[in-house]
Amino acid sequence: MFELWKDEEGLTTVEYALLLALVVVAGIIAWRGLGGTVRTTVNNSADNISGAATP
């Protein structure tokens, strides 16, 4: 058991898994935070384009 505790070979895999989890959580937070803003901007742009006068 002590040999497994001192074995650092699998440590890199764990570090990459934790980093990936952190990136995923940050992506979800960004998506939720910016999603409404992007949706509002696109809708406003579409309204302005459809309401614009045609020559």
C-alpha atoms as a PDB file:
ATOM      1  CA  MET A   1       0.000   0.000   0.000  1.00  0.00           C
ATOM      2  CA  PHE A   2       2.846   2.367   0.828  1.00  0.00           C
ATOM      3  CA  GLU A   3       4.348   1.773  -2.640  1.00  0.00           C
ATOM      4  CA  LEU A   4       1.123   2.918  -4.288  1.00  0.00           C
ATOM      5  CA  TRP A   5       1.081   6.030  -2.099  1.00  0.00           C
ATOM      6  CA  LYS A   6       4.594   7.040  -3.156  1.00  0.00           C
ATOM      7  CA  ASP A   7       4.030   6.215  -6.841  1.00  0.00           C
ATOM      8  CA  GLU A   8       3.872   9.525  -8.732  1.00  0.00           C
ATOM      9  CA  GLU A   9       3.327   8.059 -12.187  1.00  0.00           C
ATOM     10  CA  GLY A  10      -0.452   8.528 -12.161  1.00  0.00           C
ATOM     11  CA  LEU A  11      -0.199  11.987 -10.664  1.00  0.00           C
ATOM     12  CA  THR A  12      -0.079  13.718 -14.037  1.00  0.00           C
ATOM     13  CA  THR A  13      -3.326  12.055 -15.080  1.00  0.00           C
ATOM     14  CA  VAL A  14      -5.050  13.300 -11.944  1.00  0.00           C
ATOM     15  CA  GLU A  15      -3.708  16.807 -12.487  1.00  0.00           C
ATOM     16  CA  TYR A  16      -4.968  16.862 -16.073  1.00  0.00           C
ATOM     17  CA  ALA A  17      -8.369  15.560 -14.963  1.00  0.00           C
ATOM     18  CA  LEU A  18      -8.643  18.305 -12.340  1.00  0.00           C
ATOM     19  CA  LEU A  19      -7.584  20.934 -14.876  1.00  0.00           C
ATOM     20  CA  LEU A  20     -10.159  19.665 -17.359  1.00  0.00           C
ATOM     21  CA  ALA A  21     -12.860  19.779 -14.685  1.00  0.00           C
ATOM     22  CA  LEU A  22     -11.894  23.360 -13.836  1.00  0.00           C
ATOM     23  CA  VAL A  23     -12.046  24.401 -17.500  1.00  0.00           C
ATOM     24  CA  VAL A  24     -15.453  22.761 -17.907  1.00  0.00           C
ATOM     25  CA  VAL A  25     -16.848  24.513 -14.826  1.00  0.00           C
ATOM     26  CA  ALA A  26     -15.444  27.861 -16.009  1.00  0.00           C
ATOM     27  CA  GLY A  27     -16.980  27.284 -19.443  1.00  0.00           C
ATOM     28  CA  ILE A  28     -20.384  26.533 -17.967  1.00  0.00           C
ATOM     29  CA  ILE A  29     -20.252  29.639 -15.793  1.00  0.00           C
ATOM     30  CA  ALA A  30     -19.223  31.794 -18.763  1.00  0.00           C
ATOM     31  CA  TRP A  31     -21.917  30.265 -20.976  1.00  0.00           C
ATOM     32  CA  ARG A  32     -24.622  30.927 -18.396  1.00  0.00           C
ATOM     33  CA  GLY A  33     -23.382  34.445 -17.703  1.00  0.00           C
ATOM     34  CA  LEU A  34     -22.940  35.536 -21.306  1.00  0.00           C
ATOM     35  CA  GLY A  35     -25.762  33.546 -22.874  1.00  0.00           C
ATOM     36  CA  GLY A  36     -28.464  36.064 -22.020  1.00  0.00           C
ATOM     37  CA  THR A  37     -26.344  39.003 -23.142  1.00  0.00           C
ATOM     38  CA  VAL A  38     -25.566  37.419 -26.497  1.00  0.00           C
ATOM     39  CA  ARG A  39     -29.208  36.453 -27.012  1.00  0.00           C
ATOM     40  CA  THR A  40     -30.371  40.007 -26.242  1.00  0.00           C
ATOM     41  CA  THR A  41     -27.786  41.542 -28.569  1.00  0.00           C
ATOM     42  CA  VAL A  42     -28.709  39.233 -31.445  1.00  0.00           C
ATOM     43  CA  ASN A  43     -32.423  39.883 -30.955  1.00  0.00           C
ATOM     44  CA  ASN A  44     -31.890  43.655 -30.864  1.00  0.00           C
ATOM     45  CA  SER A  45     -29.786  43.493 -34.021  1.00  0.00           C
ATOM     46  CA  ALA A  46     -32.432  41.414 -35.780  1.00  0.00           C
ATOM     47  CA  ASP A  47     -35.142  43.867 -34.739  1.00  0.00           C
ATOM     48  CA  ASN A  48     -33.085  46.802 -36.033  1.00  0.00           C
ATOM     49  CA  ILE A  49     -32.427  45.069 -39.344  1.00  0.00           C
ATOM     50  CA  SER A  50     -36.058  44.083 -39.877  1.00  0.00           C
ATOM     51  CA  GLY A  51     -37.256  47.563 -38.899  1.00  0.00           C
ATOM     52  CA  ALA A  52     -34.804  49.397 -41.138  1.00  0.00           C
ATOM     53  CA  ALA A  53     -36.201  51.330 -44.069  1.00  0.00           C
ATOM     54  CA  THR A  54     -35.543  49.846 -47.474  1.00  0.00           C
ATOM     55  CA  PRO A  55     -34.422  52.233 -50.200  1.00  0.00           C
END
